[in-house]
Amino acid sequence: MGALAIAFGILVIIFPQLVGILVGIFFIIVGINILAFGNRFTRLP
C-alpha cells in the first residue's frame, strides 16, 4: 500500500491533469456501483 501511495504521489506531480481524470472516473464508477447495488455494495479495504 505504501508503494502505491508513493507511485500515486509521483503521478500527481508529473501528470496532474491525468490524475484528475482518473480520480473523476473512479468516483463515477463508485457512484454507479452504489446506485446499482445499493446496500449490497461493499467497499474494498
PDB file of N, CA and C in Angstrom:
ATOM      1  N   MET A   1       0.844  -1.200   0.000  1.00  0.00           N
ATOM      2  CA  MET A   1       0.000   0.000   0.000  1.00  0.00           C
ATOM      3  C   MET A   1       0.879   1.250   0.000  1.00  0.00           C
ATOM      4  N   GLY A   2       1.984   1.214   0.731  1.00  0.00           N
ATOM      5  CA  GLY A   2       2.894   2.357   0.758  1.00  0.00           C
ATOM      6  C   GLY A   2       3.481   2.636  -0.610  1.00  0.00           C
ATOM      7  N   ALA A   3       3.869   1.552  -1.325  1.00  0.00           N
ATOM      8  CA  ALA A   3       4.441   1.729  -2.657  1.00  0.00           C
ATOM      9  C   ALA A   3       3.407   2.342  -3.602  1.00  0.00           C
ATOM     10  N   LEU A   4       2.143   1.919  -3.470  1.00  0.00           N
ATOM     11  CA  LEU A   4       1.086   2.506  -4.298  1.00  0.00           C
ATOM     12  C   LEU A   4       0.930   3.990  -4.011  1.00  0.00           C
ATOM     13  N   ALA A   5       1.001   4.357  -2.735  1.00  0.00           N
ATOM     14  CA  ALA A   5       0.861   5.764  -2.360  1.00  0.00           C
ATOM     15  C   ALA A   5       1.993   6.593  -2.944  1.00  0.00           C
ATOM     16  N   ILE A   6       3.225   6.063  -2.897  1.00  0.00           N
ATOM     17  CA  ILE A   6       4.376   6.775  -3.457  1.00  0.00           C
ATOM     18  C   ILE A   6       4.226   6.916  -4.966  1.00  0.00           C
ATOM     19  N   ALA A   7       3.844   5.840  -5.638  1.00  0.00           N
ATOM     20  CA  ALA A   7       3.665   5.877  -7.090  1.00  0.00           C
ATOM     21  C   ALA A   7       2.579   6.876  -7.463  1.00  0.00           C
ATOM     22  N   PHE A   8       1.491   6.904  -6.690  1.00  0.00           N
ATOM     23  CA  PHE A   8       0.405   7.837  -6.957  1.00  0.00           C
ATOM     24  C   PHE A   8       0.870   9.275  -6.762  1.00  0.00           C
ATOM     25  N   GLY A   9       1.673   9.509  -5.721  1.00  0.00           N
ATOM     26  CA  GLY A   9       2.215  10.843  -5.486  1.00  0.00           C
ATOM     27  C   GLY A   9       3.080  11.311  -6.644  1.00  0.00           C
ATOM     28  N   ILE A  10       3.908  10.415  -7.183  1.00  0.00           N
ATOM     29  CA  ILE A  10       4.747  10.756  -8.331  1.00  0.00           C
ATOM     30  C   ILE A  10       3.872  11.081  -9.537  1.00  0.00           C
ATOM     31  N   LEU A  11       2.826  10.277  -9.753  1.00  0.00           N
ATOM     32  CA  LEU A  11       1.904  10.541 -10.857  1.00  0.00           C
ATOM     33  C   LEU A  11       1.249  11.907 -10.722  1.00  0.00           C
ATOM     34  N   VAL A  12       0.864  12.270  -9.492  1.00  0.00           N
ATOM     35  CA  VAL A  12       0.233  13.571  -9.264  1.00  0.00           C
ATOM     36  C   VAL A  12       1.180  14.695  -9.665  1.00  0.00           C
ATOM     37  N   ILE A  13       2.460  14.532  -9.308  1.00  0.00           N
ATOM     38  CA  ILE A  13       3.448  15.567  -9.627  1.00  0.00           C
ATOM     39  C   ILE A  13       3.673  15.660 -11.132  1.00  0.00           C
ATOM     40  N   ILE A  14       3.756  14.503 -11.800  1.00  0.00           N
ATOM     41  CA  ILE A  14       4.100  14.505 -13.229  1.00  0.00           C
ATOM     42  C   ILE A  14       2.875  14.778 -14.100  1.00  0.00           C
ATOM     43  N   PHE A  15       1.757  14.130 -13.785  1.00  0.00           N
ATOM     44  CA  PHE A  15       0.565  14.230 -14.633  1.00  0.00           C
ATOM     45  C   PHE A  15      -0.656  14.678 -13.832  1.00  0.00           C
ATOM     46  N   PRO A  16      -0.704  15.923 -13.349  1.00  0.00           N
ATOM     47  CA  PRO A  16      -1.856  16.327 -12.523  1.00  0.00           C
ATOM     48  C   PRO A  16      -3.189  16.238 -13.272  1.00  0.00           C
ATOM     49  N   GLN A  17      -3.191  16.578 -14.570  1.00  0.00           N
ATOM     50  CA  GLN A  17      -4.446  16.509 -15.325  1.00  0.00           C
ATOM     51  C   GLN A  17      -4.907  15.060 -15.464  1.00  0.00           C
ATOM     52  N   LEU A  18      -3.951  14.166 -15.751  1.00  0.00           N
ATOM     53  CA  LEU A  18      -4.285  12.750 -15.914  1.00  0.00           C
ATOM     54  C   LEU A  18      -4.862  12.197 -14.616  1.00  0.00           C
ATOM     55  N   VAL A  19      -4.240  12.545 -13.495  1.00  0.00           N
ATOM     56  CA  VAL A  19      -4.717  12.049 -12.201  1.00  0.00           C
ATOM     57  C   VAL A  19      -6.119  12.566 -11.918  1.00  0.00           C
ATOM     58  N   GLY A  20      -6.379  13.843 -12.253  1.00  0.00           N
ATOM     59  CA  GLY A  20      -7.711  14.391 -12.070  1.00  0.00           C
ATOM     60  C   GLY A  20      -8.751  13.616 -12.855  1.00  0.00           C
ATOM     61  N   ILE A  21      -8.401  13.258 -14.089  1.00  0.00           N
ATOM     62  CA  ILE A  21      -9.317  12.467 -14.924  1.00  0.00           C
ATOM     63  C   ILE A  21      -9.542  11.088 -14.310  1.00  0.00           C
ATOM     64  N   LEU A  22      -8.452  10.444 -13.862  1.00  0.00           N
ATOM     65  CA  LEU A  22      -8.574   9.111 -13.277  1.00  0.00           C
ATOM     66  C   LEU A  22      -9.420   9.139 -12.009  1.00  0.00           C
ATOM     67  N   VAL A  23      -9.206  10.165 -11.165  1.00  0.00           N
ATOM     68  CA  VAL A  23      -9.994  10.284  -9.935  1.00  0.00           C
ATOM     69  C   VAL A  23     -11.466  10.491 -10.270  1.00  0.00           C
ATOM     70  N   GLY A  24     -11.742  11.332 -11.281  1.00  0.00           N
ATOM     71  CA  GLY A  24     -13.118  11.558 -11.707  1.00  0.00           C
ATOM     72  C   GLY A  24     -13.773  10.275 -12.182  1.00  0.00           C
ATOM     73  N   ILE A  25     -13.050   9.505 -13.004  1.00  0.00           N
ATOM     74  CA  ILE A  25     -13.581   8.229 -13.494  1.00  0.00           C
ATOM     75  C   ILE A  25     -13.840   7.283 -12.326  1.00  0.00           C
ATOM     76  N   PHE A  26     -12.881   7.250 -11.367  1.00  0.00           N
ATOM     77  CA  PHE A  26     -13.033   6.369 -10.217  1.00  0.00           C
ATOM     78  C   PHE A  26     -14.298   6.686  -9.432  1.00  0.00           C
ATOM     79  N   PHE A  27     -14.532   7.988  -9.172  1.00  0.00           N
ATOM     80  CA  PHE A  27     -15.714   8.360  -8.402  1.00  0.00           C
ATOM     81  C   PHE A  27     -16.990   8.083  -9.187  1.00  0.00           C
ATOM     82  N   ILE A  28     -16.962   8.248 -10.512  1.00  0.00           N
ATOM     83  CA  ILE A  28     -18.134   7.924 -11.338  1.00  0.00           C
ATOM     84  C   ILE A  28     -18.451   6.431 -11.233  1.00  0.00           C
ATOM     85  N   ILE A  29     -17.401   5.592 -11.318  1.00  0.00           N
ATOM     86  CA  ILE A  29     -17.597   4.144 -11.230  1.00  0.00           C
ATOM     87  C   ILE A  29     -18.155   3.766  -9.859  1.00  0.00           C
ATOM     88  N   VAL A  30     -17.569   4.355  -8.797  1.00  0.00           N
ATOM     89  CA  VAL A  30     -18.061   4.068  -7.446  1.00  0.00           C
ATOM     90  C   VAL A  30     -19.520   4.500  -7.308  1.00  0.00           C
ATOM     91  N   GLY A  31     -19.849   5.684  -7.836  1.00  0.00           N
ATOM     92  CA  GLY A  31     -21.224   6.173  -7.768  1.00  0.00           C
ATOM     93  C   GLY A  31     -22.187   5.257  -8.495  1.00  0.00           C
ATOM     94  N   ILE A  32     -21.781   4.778  -9.668  1.00  0.00           N
ATOM     95  CA  ILE A  32     -22.629   3.853 -10.426  1.00  0.00           C
ATOM     96  C   ILE A  32     -22.828   2.562  -9.634  1.00  0.00           C
ATOM     97  N   ASN A  33     -21.730   2.060  -9.031  1.00  0.00           N
ATOM     98  CA  ASN A  33     -21.839   0.835  -8.237  1.00  0.00           C
ATOM     99  C   ASN A  33     -22.803   1.020  -7.072  1.00  0.00           C
ATOM    100  N   ILE A  34     -22.706   2.155  -6.393  1.00  0.00           N
ATOM    101  CA  ILE A  34     -23.593   2.406  -5.248  1.00  0.00           C
ATOM    102  C   ILE A  34     -25.043   2.466  -5.713  1.00  0.00           C
ATOM    103  N   LEU A  35     -25.288   3.147  -6.827  1.00  0.00           N
ATOM    104  CA  LEU A  35     -26.655   3.232  -7.344  1.00  0.00           C
ATOM    105  C   LEU A  35     -27.154   1.873  -7.807  1.00  0.00           C
ATOM    106  N   ALA A  36     -26.269   1.086  -8.420  1.00  0.00           N
ATOM    107  CA  ALA A  36     -26.685  -0.189  -8.985  1.00  0.00           C
ATOM    108  C   ALA A  36     -26.931  -1.241  -7.908  1.00  0.00           C
ATOM    109  N   PHE A  37     -26.072  -1.274  -6.888  1.00  0.00           N
ATOM    110  CA  PHE A  37     -26.132  -2.349  -5.909  1.00  0.00           C
ATOM    111  C   PHE A  37     -26.751  -1.912  -4.587  1.00  0.00           C
ATOM    112  N   GLY A  38     -26.847  -0.591  -4.376  1.00  0.00           N
ATOM    113  CA  GLY A  38     -27.486  -0.102  -3.162  1.00  0.00           C
ATOM    114  C   GLY A  38     -26.762  -0.553  -1.904  1.00  0.00           C
ATOM    115  N   ASN A  39     -27.521  -1.146  -0.973  1.00  0.00           N
ATOM    116  CA  ASN A  39     -26.952  -1.542   0.311  1.00  0.00           C
ATOM    117  C   ASN A  39     -26.029  -2.743   0.192  1.00  0.00           C
ATOM    118  N   ARG A  40     -26.088  -3.463  -0.932  1.00  0.00           N
ATOM    119  CA  ARG A  40     -25.242  -4.643  -1.096  1.00  0.00           C
ATOM    120  C   ARG A  40     -23.835  -4.254  -1.500  1.00  0.00           C
ATOM    121  N   PHE A  41     -23.613  -2.972  -1.856  1.00  0.00           N
ATOM    122  CA  PHE A  41     -22.294  -2.530  -2.278  1.00  0.00           C
ATOM    123  C   PHE A  41     -21.322  -2.596  -1.106  1.00  0.00           C
ATOM    124  N   THR A  42     -20.215  -3.360  -1.278  1.00  0.00           N
ATOM    125  CA  THR A  42     -19.219  -3.469  -0.231  1.00  0.00           C
ATOM    126  C   THR A  42     -17.928  -2.833  -0.707  1.00  0.00           C
ATOM    127  N   ARG A  43     -17.401  -1.922   0.125  1.00  0.00           N
ATOM    128  CA  ARG A  43     -16.176  -1.198  -0.246  1.00  0.00           C
ATOM    129  C   ARG A  43     -14.972  -2.073   0.110  1.00  0.00           C
ATOM    130  N   LEU A  44     -14.006  -2.152  -0.808  1.00  0.00           N
ATOM    131  CA  LEU A  44     -12.800  -2.924  -0.549  1.00  0.00           C
ATOM    132  C   LEU A  44     -11.969  -2.214   0.515  1.00  0.00           C
ATOM    133  N   PRO A  45     -11.277  -2.979   1.372  1.00  0.00           N
ATOM    134  CA  PRO A  45     -10.461  -2.375   2.434  1.00  0.00           C
ATOM    135  C   PRO A  45      -9.263  -1.631   1.860  1.00  0.00           C
TER     136      PRO A  45
END
